Protein backbone atom coordinates (compact mmCIF):
# COMPACT_ATOMS: atom_id res chain seq x y z
CA MET A 1 -7.49 -3.63 -34.55
CA GLU A 2 -8.99 -5.64 -36.60
CA GLN A 3 -6.78 -4.40 -39.61
CA TYR A 4 -4.10 -5.79 -37.54
CA LYS A 5 -5.49 -8.89 -37.07
CA LYS A 6 -5.90 -9.58 -40.54
CA GLU A 7 -2.30 -8.70 -41.50
CA LEU A 8 -1.18 -11.18 -38.64
CA ASN A 9 -3.31 -13.83 -40.73
CA LYS A 10 -1.86 -12.99 -43.96
CA ILE A 11 1.83 -13.16 -42.67
CA SER A 12 1.22 -16.54 -40.51
CA VAL A 13 -0.35 -17.92 -44.12
CA ILE A 14 2.59 -16.96 -45.77
CA LEU A 15 5.18 -17.88 -43.57
CA GLU A 16 3.21 -21.76 -43.78
CA SER A 17 3.96 -21.66 -47.46
CA PHE A 18 7.23 -21.03 -47.17
CA TYR A 19 8.46 -24.02 -44.30
CA THR A 20 6.50 -26.23 -46.49
CA ALA A 21 8.20 -24.52 -50.10
CA LYS A 22 10.92 -26.21 -52.08
CA PHE A 23 13.02 -23.68 -53.11
CA THR A 24 15.95 -23.96 -56.12
CA SER A 25 18.66 -22.35 -53.85
CA SER A 26 19.26 -21.44 -50.96
CA LYS A 27 19.84 -17.80 -52.26
CA LYS A 28 15.85 -17.69 -52.58
CA GLU A 29 15.32 -19.31 -49.02
CA TYR A 30 17.02 -16.58 -47.22
CA GLU A 31 15.58 -13.20 -49.74
CA THR A 32 12.18 -14.72 -49.16
CA ASN A 33 13.02 -15.06 -45.36
CA GLN A 34 14.23 -11.62 -45.15
CA THR A 35 11.48 -10.44 -46.66
CA ASN A 36 8.77 -12.61 -44.73
CA LYS A 37 10.63 -10.89 -41.41
CA GLN A 38 11.10 -7.12 -42.88
CA GLN A 39 7.02 -7.64 -42.76
CA ILE A 40 6.79 -8.65 -40.02
CA MET A 41 9.11 -5.92 -38.02
CA GLN A 42 7.04 -3.42 -40.52
CA LEU A 43 3.73 -4.40 -38.79
CA ILE A 44 5.66 -4.55 -35.58
CA LEU A 45 6.79 -0.81 -36.28
CA ARG A 46 2.84 0.40 -37.75
CA ILE A 47 1.30 -1.29 -34.60
CA LYS A 48 3.68 0.81 -31.81
CA LEU A 49 2.99 3.86 -34.17
CA ASP A 50 -0.61 3.41 -34.16
CA GLN A 51 -2.15 5.96 -31.57
CA HIS A 52 -5.76 4.72 -31.80
CA LEU A 53 -4.61 1.30 -30.30
CA SER A 54 -4.09 1.37 -25.93
CA GLU A 55 -1.37 0.04 -24.74
CA ALA A 56 -2.52 -3.32 -23.71
CA GLU A 57 -3.91 -4.01 -27.82
CA GLN A 58 -0.50 -3.00 -28.44
CA GLN A 59 1.61 -5.45 -26.23
CA HIS A 60 -0.98 -7.78 -27.74
CA LEU A 61 -0.41 -7.25 -30.97
CA VAL A 62 3.15 -7.11 -31.13
CA ASN A 63 2.76 -10.32 -29.08
CA GLU A 64 1.22 -12.41 -31.78
CA ALA A 65 3.63 -10.56 -34.34
CA LEU A 66 6.41 -11.81 -32.52
CA MET A 67 4.86 -15.34 -32.11
CA LEU A 68 5.10 -16.08 -36.36
């Protein structure tokens, strides 16, 4: 579970940087935003497939990921 929390924190930092960044083009901003969304979706999928986590732990981590 700690691994997922670290990854959530990492994505959170990336998102903070994204929202304060000045992009040179809207295309670059769009691409960066898509990459961030993909990271979150991949994390959620890995959490849901992890059989070592209890259902409550999975739900908690998924909720945290969705709040990003």
